[in-house]
Amino acid sequence: YEVVAARTALGNYTTSRIYYTGAHRADAEAFKGRFPAFGVIEPAPANLSRRVALHVVIGKDYPGV
Protein backbone atom coordinates (compact mmCIF):
# COMPACT_ATOMS: atom_id res chain seq x y z
CA TYR A 1 0.00 0.00 0.00
CA GLU A 2 1.20 3.51 -0.79
CA VAL A 3 0.77 5.98 2.05
CA VAL A 4 0.09 9.41 0.58
CA ALA A 5 -0.48 11.28 3.86
CA ALA A 6 -0.55 10.72 7.60
CA ARG A 7 -2.49 13.06 9.84
CA THR A 8 -4.24 13.06 13.16
CA ALA A 9 -7.95 12.44 12.62
CA LEU A 10 -10.43 15.03 13.80
CA GLY A 11 -12.57 13.57 16.55
CA ASN A 12 -12.24 10.63 18.88
CA TYR A 13 -12.41 7.15 17.33
CA THR A 14 -12.93 4.18 19.63
CA THR A 15 -13.04 1.71 16.71
CA SER A 16 -10.41 1.40 13.98
CA ARG A 17 -11.96 1.79 10.56
CA ILE A 18 -11.45 1.92 6.83
CA TYR A 19 -13.27 4.46 4.71
CA TYR A 20 -13.39 3.80 0.97
CA THR A 21 -14.21 6.08 -1.94
CA GLY A 22 -15.98 5.26 -5.16
CA ALA A 23 -15.86 1.62 -6.16
CA HIS A 24 -13.05 0.69 -3.76
CA ARG A 25 -15.03 -1.41 -1.29
CA ALA A 26 -13.25 -4.58 -2.47
CA ASP A 27 -9.92 -2.86 -1.78
CA ALA A 28 -11.13 -2.01 1.73
CA GLU A 29 -12.16 -5.64 2.29
CA ALA A 30 -8.74 -6.83 1.09
CA PHE A 31 -7.02 -4.37 3.44
CA LYS A 32 -9.12 -5.65 6.34
CA GLY A 33 -8.16 -9.20 5.36
CA ARG A 34 -4.50 -8.29 5.86
CA PHE A 35 -5.15 -6.13 8.93
CA PRO A 36 -8.19 -7.58 10.76
CA ALA A 37 -7.95 -5.07 13.63
CA PHE A 38 -9.90 -2.65 11.43
CA GLY A 39 -13.43 -3.60 12.41
CA VAL A 40 -15.46 -1.08 10.43
CA ILE A 41 -15.64 -0.54 6.67
CA GLU A 42 -17.75 2.40 5.49
CA PRO A 43 -18.06 4.75 2.53
CA ALA A 44 -15.90 7.83 3.07
CA PRO A 45 -17.73 10.86 4.44
CA ALA A 46 -17.95 13.94 2.19
CA ASN A 47 -15.10 15.75 3.94
CA LEU A 48 -12.48 13.17 2.84
CA SER A 49 -10.68 13.37 -0.49
CA ARG A 50 -12.19 11.42 -3.37
CA ARG A 51 -8.72 11.18 -4.92
CA VAL A 52 -7.68 8.67 -2.23
CA ALA A 53 -9.10 5.13 -2.49
CA LEU A 54 -8.84 4.21 1.21
CA HIS A 55 -8.68 6.31 4.34
CA VAL A 56 -7.56 4.31 7.38
CA VAL A 57 -8.27 5.51 10.92
CA ILE A 58 -6.49 3.89 13.86
CA GLY A 59 -8.87 3.95 16.81
CA LYS A 60 -8.38 3.30 20.51
CA ASP A 61 -9.13 -0.40 20.00
CA TYR A 62 -6.11 -0.93 17.72
CA PRO A 63 -3.54 -3.27 19.35
CA GLY A 64 -0.75 -1.30 20.94
CA VAL A 65 -2.59 2.00 21.10
PDB file of N, CA and C in Angstrom:
ATOM      1  N   TYR A   1       0.833  -1.177   0.000  1.00  0.00           N
ATOM      2  CA  TYR A   1       0.000   0.000   0.000  1.00  0.00           C
ATOM      3  C   TYR A   1       0.879   1.241   0.000  1.00  0.00           C
ATOM      4  N   GLU A   2       0.485   2.241  -0.741  1.00  0.00           N
ATOM      5  CA  GLU A   2       1.205   3.506  -0.791  1.00  0.00           C
ATOM      6  C   GLU A   2       0.540   4.494   0.159  1.00  0.00           C
ATOM      7  N   VAL A   3       1.287   4.978   1.123  1.00  0.00           N
ATOM      8  CA  VAL A   3       0.772   5.981   2.051  1.00  0.00           C
ATOM      9  C   VAL A   3       1.018   7.344   1.426  1.00  0.00           C
ATOM     10  N   VAL A   4      -0.052   8.103   1.211  1.00  0.00           N
ATOM     11  CA  VAL A   4       0.089   9.412   0.580  1.00  0.00           C
ATOM     12  C   VAL A   4       0.035  10.546   1.596  1.00  0.00           C
ATOM     13  N   ALA A   5      -0.445  10.264   2.798  1.00  0.00           N
ATOM     14  CA  ALA A   5      -0.481  11.279   3.859  1.00  0.00           C
ATOM     15  C   ALA A   5      -0.732  10.581   5.184  1.00  0.00           C
ATOM     16  N   ALA A   6      -0.268  11.200   6.246  1.00  0.00           N
ATOM     17  CA  ALA A   6      -0.549  10.715   7.598  1.00  0.00           C
ATOM     18  C   ALA A   6      -0.856  11.936   8.451  1.00  0.00           C
ATOM     19  N   ARG A   7      -2.052  11.932   9.025  1.00  0.00           N
ATOM     20  CA  ARG A   7      -2.490  13.063   9.841  1.00  0.00           C
ATOM     21  C   ARG A   7      -3.278  12.547  11.030  1.00  0.00           C
ATOM     22  N   THR A   8      -3.392  13.379  12.025  1.00  0.00           N
ATOM     23  CA  THR A   8      -4.239  13.060  13.162  1.00  0.00           C
ATOM     24  C   THR A   8      -5.688  13.312  12.759  1.00  0.00           C
ATOM     25  N   ALA A   9      -6.539  12.319  12.982  1.00  0.00           N
ATOM     26  CA  ALA A   9      -7.953  12.443  12.622  1.00  0.00           C
ATOM     27  C   ALA A   9      -8.646  13.434  13.543  1.00  0.00           C
ATOM     28  N   LEU A  10      -9.600  14.141  12.988  1.00  0.00           N
ATOM     29  CA  LEU A  10     -10.428  15.027  13.800  1.00  0.00           C
ATOM     30  C   LEU A  10     -11.453  14.167  14.519  1.00  0.00           C
ATOM     31  N   GLY A  11     -11.591  14.357  15.798  1.00  0.00           N
ATOM     32  CA  GLY A  11     -12.569  13.567  16.550  1.00  0.00           C
ATOM     33  C   GLY A  11     -11.893  12.471  17.343  1.00  0.00           C
ATOM     34  N   ASN A  12     -12.706  11.689  18.003  1.00  0.00           N
ATOM     35  CA  ASN A  12     -12.238  10.628  18.880  1.00  0.00           C
ATOM     36  C   ASN A  12     -12.810   9.303  18.369  1.00  0.00           C
ATOM     37  N   TYR A  13     -11.968   8.426  17.904  1.00  0.00           N
ATOM     38  CA  TYR A  13     -12.414   7.153  17.329  1.00  0.00           C
ATOM     39  C   TYR A  13     -12.107   6.014  18.293  1.00  0.00           C
ATOM     40  N   THR A  14     -13.134   5.330  18.753  1.00  0.00           N
ATOM     41  CA  THR A  14     -12.930   4.178  19.628  1.00  0.00           C
ATOM     42  C   THR A  14     -12.673   2.922  18.812  1.00  0.00           C
ATOM     43  N   THR A  15     -13.168   2.878  17.582  1.00  0.00           N
ATOM     44  CA  THR A  15     -13.043   1.714  16.715  1.00  0.00           C
ATOM     45  C   THR A  15     -12.211   2.050  15.484  1.00  0.00           C
ATOM     46  N   SER A  16     -11.228   1.217  15.195  1.00  0.00           N
ATOM     47  CA  SER A  16     -10.414   1.395  13.980  1.00  0.00           C
ATOM     48  C   SER A  16     -11.288   1.119  12.767  1.00  0.00           C
ATOM     49  N   ARG A  17     -11.071   1.887  11.709  1.00  0.00           N
ATOM     50  CA  ARG A  17     -11.964   1.786  10.558  1.00  0.00           C
ATOM     51  C   ARG A  17     -11.266   2.085   9.248  1.00  0.00           C
ATOM     52  N   ILE A  18     -11.912   1.652   8.195  1.00  0.00           N
ATOM     53  CA  ILE A  18     -11.449   1.918   6.834  1.00  0.00           C
ATOM     54  C   ILE A  18     -12.592   2.613   6.112  1.00  0.00           C
ATOM     55  N   TYR A  19     -12.311   3.775   5.570  1.00  0.00           N
ATOM     56  CA  TYR A  19     -13.269   4.465   4.710  1.00  0.00           C
ATOM     57  C   TYR A  19     -12.811   4.255   3.268  1.00  0.00           C
ATOM     58  N   TYR A  20     -13.746   3.973   2.384  1.00  0.00           N
ATOM     59  CA  TYR A  20     -13.391   3.800   0.973  1.00  0.00           C
ATOM     60  C   TYR A  20     -14.144   4.818   0.129  1.00  0.00           C
ATOM     61  N   THR A  21     -13.557   5.157  -1.010  1.00  0.00           N
ATOM     62  CA  THR A  21     -14.207   6.075  -1.942  1.00  0.00           C
ATOM     63  C   THR A  21     -14.562   5.333  -3.218  1.00  0.00           C
ATOM     64  N   GLY A  22     -15.577   5.828  -3.883  1.00  0.00           N
ATOM     65  CA  GLY A  22     -15.982   5.258  -5.163  1.00  0.00           C
ATOM     66  C   GLY A  22     -16.225   3.766  -5.093  1.00  0.00           C
ATOM     67  N   ALA A  23     -15.651   3.061  -6.042  1.00  0.00           N
ATOM     68  CA  ALA A  23     -15.860   1.615  -6.164  1.00  0.00           C
ATOM     69  C   ALA A  23     -14.735   0.821  -5.488  1.00  0.00           C
ATOM     70  N   HIS A  24     -14.192   1.333  -4.404  1.00  0.00           N
ATOM     71  CA  HIS A  24     -13.050   0.692  -3.758  1.00  0.00           C
ATOM     72  C   HIS A  24     -13.410  -0.142  -2.532  1.00  0.00           C
ATOM     73  N   ARG A  25     -14.659  -0.576  -2.432  1.00  0.00           N
ATOM     74  CA  ARG A  25     -15.034  -1.413  -1.292  1.00  0.00           C
ATOM     75  C   ARG A  25     -14.225  -2.719  -1.271  1.00  0.00           C
ATOM     76  N   ALA A  26     -14.023  -3.339  -2.421  1.00  0.00           N
ATOM     77  CA  ALA A  26     -13.246  -4.583  -2.474  1.00  0.00           C
ATOM     78  C   ALA A  26     -11.821  -4.355  -1.976  1.00  0.00           C
ATOM     79  N   ASP A  27     -11.259  -3.194  -2.283  1.00  0.00           N
ATOM     80  CA  ASP A  27      -9.925  -2.863  -1.779  1.00  0.00           C
ATOM     81  C   ASP A  27      -9.945  -2.743  -0.259  1.00  0.00           C
ATOM     82  N   ALA A  28     -10.992  -2.136   0.275  1.00  0.00           N
ATOM     83  CA  ALA A  28     -11.134  -2.012   1.731  1.00  0.00           C
ATOM     84  C   ALA A  28     -11.254  -3.386   2.378  1.00  0.00           C
ATOM     85  N   GLU A  29     -12.012  -4.280   1.759  1.00  0.00           N
ATOM     86  CA  GLU A  29     -12.161  -5.644   2.287  1.00  0.00           C
ATOM     87  C   GLU A  29     -10.818  -6.381   2.254  1.00  0.00           C
ATOM     88  N   ALA A  30     -10.056  -6.188   1.185  1.00  0.00           N
ATOM     89  CA  ALA A  30      -8.735  -6.828   1.088  1.00  0.00           C
ATOM     90  C   ALA A  30      -7.790  -6.281   2.156  1.00  0.00           C
ATOM     91  N   PHE A  31      -7.849  -4.973   2.397  1.00  0.00           N
ATOM     92  CA  PHE A  31      -7.019  -4.367   3.440  1.00  0.00           C
ATOM     93  C   PHE A  31      -7.381  -4.949   4.803  1.00  0.00           C
ATOM     94  N   LYS A  32      -8.671  -5.061   5.066  1.00  0.00           N
ATOM     95  CA  LYS A  32      -9.121  -5.647   6.340  1.00  0.00           C
ATOM     96  C   LYS A  32      -8.672  -7.103   6.452  1.00  0.00           C
ATOM     97  N   GLY A  33      -8.647  -7.819   5.347  1.00  0.00           N
ATOM     98  CA  GLY A  33      -8.161  -9.199   5.357  1.00  0.00           C
ATOM     99  C   GLY A  33      -6.716  -9.295   5.822  1.00  0.00           C
ATOM    100  N   ARG A  34      -5.913  -8.318   5.445  1.00  0.00           N
ATOM    101  CA  ARG A  34      -4.502  -8.288   5.863  1.00  0.00           C
ATOM    102  C   ARG A  34      -4.331  -7.716   7.257  1.00  0.00           C
ATOM    103  N   PHE A  35      -5.234  -6.818   7.642  1.00  0.00           N
ATOM    104  CA  PHE A  35      -5.149  -6.130   8.934  1.00  0.00           C
ATOM    105  C   PHE A  35      -6.508  -6.205   9.627  1.00  0.00           C
ATOM    106  N   PRO A  36      -6.845  -7.359  10.220  1.00  0.00           N
ATOM    107  CA  PRO A  36      -8.193  -7.581  10.759  1.00  0.00           C
ATOM    108  C   PRO A  36      -8.564  -6.710  11.955  1.00  0.00           C
ATOM    109  N   ALA A  37      -7.628  -5.957  12.510  1.00  0.00           N
ATOM    110  CA  ALA A  37      -7.953  -5.070  13.631  1.00  0.00           C
ATOM    111  C   ALA A  37      -8.887  -3.938  13.213  1.00  0.00           C
ATOM    112  N   PHE A  38      -8.995  -3.695  11.919  1.00  0.00           N
ATOM    113  CA  PHE A  38      -9.897  -2.649  11.431  1.00  0.00           C
ATOM    114  C   PHE A  38     -11.297  -3.240  11.309  1.00  0.00           C
ATOM    115  N   GLY A  39     -12.131  -2.946  12.305  1.00  0.00           N
ATOM    116  CA  GLY A  39     -13.428  -3.598  12.414  1.00  0.00           C
ATOM    117  C   GLY A  39     -14.553  -2.988  11.609  1.00  0.00           C
ATOM    118  N   VAL A  40     -14.374  -1.766  11.120  1.00  0.00           N
ATOM    119  CA  VAL A  40     -15.461  -1.079  10.428  1.00  0.00           C
ATOM    120  C   VAL A  40     -15.010  -0.703   9.027  1.00  0.00           C
ATOM    121  N   ILE A  41     -15.852  -0.977   8.048  1.00  0.00           N
ATOM    122  CA  ILE A  41     -15.638  -0.542   6.667  1.00  0.00           C
ATOM    123  C   ILE A  41     -16.863   0.265   6.267  1.00  0.00           C
ATOM    124  N   GLU A  42     -16.635   1.513   5.849  1.00  0.00           N
ATOM    125  CA  GLU A  42     -17.745   2.398   5.486  1.00  0.00           C
ATOM    126  C   GLU A  42     -17.355   3.272   4.299  1.00  0.00           C
ATOM    127  N   PRO A  43     -18.360   3.755   3.553  1.00  0.00           N
ATOM    128  CA  PRO A  43     -18.061   4.752   2.528  1.00  0.00           C
ATOM    129  C   PRO A  43     -17.471   5.997   3.184  1.00  0.00           C
ATOM    130  N   ALA A  44     -16.551   6.637   2.522  1.00  0.00           N
ATOM    131  CA  ALA A  44     -15.904   7.827   3.072  1.00  0.00           C
ATOM    132  C   ALA A  44     -16.910   8.968   3.190  1.00  0.00           C
ATOM    133  N   PRO A  45     -16.867   9.693   4.317  1.00  0.00           N
ATOM    134  CA  PRO A  45     -17.727  10.863   4.443  1.00  0.00           C
ATOM    135  C   PRO A  45     -17.300  11.952   3.449  1.00  0.00           C
ATOM    136  N   ALA A  46     -18.163  12.902   3.214  1.00  0.00           N
ATOM    137  CA  ALA A  46     -17.948  13.935   2.188  1.00  0.00           C
ATOM    138  C   ALA A  46     -16.712  14.793   2.428  1.00  0.00           C
ATOM    139  N   ASN A  47     -16.247  14.883   3.671  1.00  0.00           N
ATOM    140  CA  ASN A  47     -15.098  15.749   3.945  1.00  0.00           C
ATOM    141  C   ASN A  47     -13.749  15.102   3.617  1.00  0.00           C
ATOM    142  N   LEU A  48     -13.734  13.842   3.208  1.00  0.00           N
ATOM    143  CA  LEU A  48     -12.483  13.173   2.842  1.00  0.00           C
ATOM    144  C   LEU A  48     -12.278  13.214   1.331  1.00  0.00           C
ATOM    145  N   SER A  49     -11.025  13.275   0.922  1.00  0.00           N
ATOM    146  CA  SER A  49     -10.676  13.373  -0.493  1.00  0.00           C
ATOM    147  C   SER A  49     -11.187  12.185  -1.291  1.00  0.00           C
ATOM    148  N   ARG A  50     -11.742  12.462  -2.436  1.00  0.00           N
ATOM    149  CA  ARG A  50     -12.189  11.420  -3.367  1.00  0.00           C
ATOM    150  C   ARG A  50     -11.037  10.922  -4.233  1.00  0.00           C
ATOM    151  N   ARG A  51      -9.894  11.583  -4.145  1.00  0.00           N
ATOM    152  CA  ARG A  51      -8.725  11.181  -4.922  1.00  0.00           C
ATOM    153  C   ARG A  51      -7.952  10.062  -4.236  1.00  0.00           C
ATOM    154  N   VAL A  52      -8.324   9.730  -3.010  1.00  0.00           N
ATOM    155  CA  VAL A  52      -7.677   8.671  -2.234  1.00  0.00           C
ATOM    156  C   VAL A  52      -8.645   7.499  -2.132  1.00  0.00           C
ATOM    157  N   ALA A  53      -8.210   6.304  -2.480  1.00  0.00           N
ATOM    158  CA  ALA A  53      -9.098   5.130  -2.491  1.00  0.00           C
ATOM    159  C   ALA A  53      -9.508   4.708  -1.086  1.00  0.00           C
ATOM    160  N   LEU A  54      -8.550   4.652  -0.159  1.00  0.00           N
ATOM    161  CA  LEU A  54      -8.835   4.206   1.207  1.00  0.00           C
ATOM    162  C   LEU A  54      -8.297   5.214   2.209  1.00  0.00           C
ATOM    163  N   HIS A  55      -9.098   5.500   3.197  1.00  0.00           N
ATOM    164  CA  HIS A  55      -8.685   6.312   4.343  1.00  0.00           C
ATOM    165  C   HIS A  55      -8.750   5.374   5.547  1.00  0.00           C
ATOM    166  N   VAL A  56      -7.641   5.243   6.258  1.00  0.00           N
ATOM    167  CA  VAL A  56      -7.555   4.309   7.380  1.00  0.00           C
ATOM    168  C   VAL A  56      -7.418   5.109   8.673  1.00  0.00           C
ATOM    169  N   VAL A  57      -8.290   4.819   9.629  1.00  0.00           N
ATOM    170  CA  VAL A  57      -8.266   5.511  10.920  1.00  0.00           C
ATOM    171  C   VAL A  57      -7.935   4.496  12.009  1.00  0.00           C
ATOM    172  N   ILE A  58      -6.871   4.755  12.748  1.00  0.00           N
ATOM    173  CA  ILE A  58      -6.487   3.887  13.863  1.00  0.00           C
ATOM    174  C   ILE A  58      -7.195   4.393  15.108  1.00  0.00           C
ATOM    175  N   GLY A  59      -8.098   3.578  15.629  1.00  0.00           N
ATOM    176  CA  GLY A  59      -8.867   3.952  16.811  1.00  0.00           C
ATOM    177  C   GLY A  59      -8.235   3.433  18.079  1.00  0.00           C
ATOM    178  N   LYS A  60      -8.890   3.718  19.204  1.00  0.00           N
ATOM    179  CA  LYS A  60      -8.381   3.300  20.509  1.00  0.00           C
ATOM    180  C   LYS A  60      -8.315   1.790  20.665  1.00  0.00           C
ATOM    181  N   ASP A  61      -9.106   1.053  19.878  1.00  0.00           N
ATOM    182  CA  ASP A  61      -9.126  -0.402  19.999  1.00  0.00           C
ATOM    183  C   ASP A  61      -7.972  -1.082  19.256  1.00  0.00           C
ATOM    184  N   TYR A  62      -7.181  -0.331  18.493  1.00  0.00           N
ATOM    185  CA  TYR A  62      -6.105  -0.932  17.724  1.00  0.00           C
ATOM    186  C   TYR A  62      -5.030  -1.464  18.673  1.00  0.00           C
ATOM    187  N   PRO A  63      -4.560  -2.690  18.459  1.00  0.00           N
ATOM    188  CA  PRO A  63      -3.542  -3.271  19.355  1.00  0.00           C
ATOM    189  C   PRO A  63      -2.317  -2.367  19.474  1.00  0.00           C
ATOM    190  N   GLY A  64      -1.917  -2.109  20.692  1.00  0.00           N
ATOM    191  CA  GLY A  64      -0.747  -1.296  20.935  1.00  0.00           C
ATOM    192  C   GLY A  64      -1.010   0.183  21.113  1.00  0.00           C
ATOM    193  N   VAL A  65      -2.259   0.586  20.933  1.00  0.00           N
ATOM    194  CA  VAL A  65      -2.590   2.003  21.099  1.00  0.00           C
ATOM    195  C   VAL A  65      -2.984   2.263  22.525  1.00  0.00           C
TER     196      VAL A  65
END
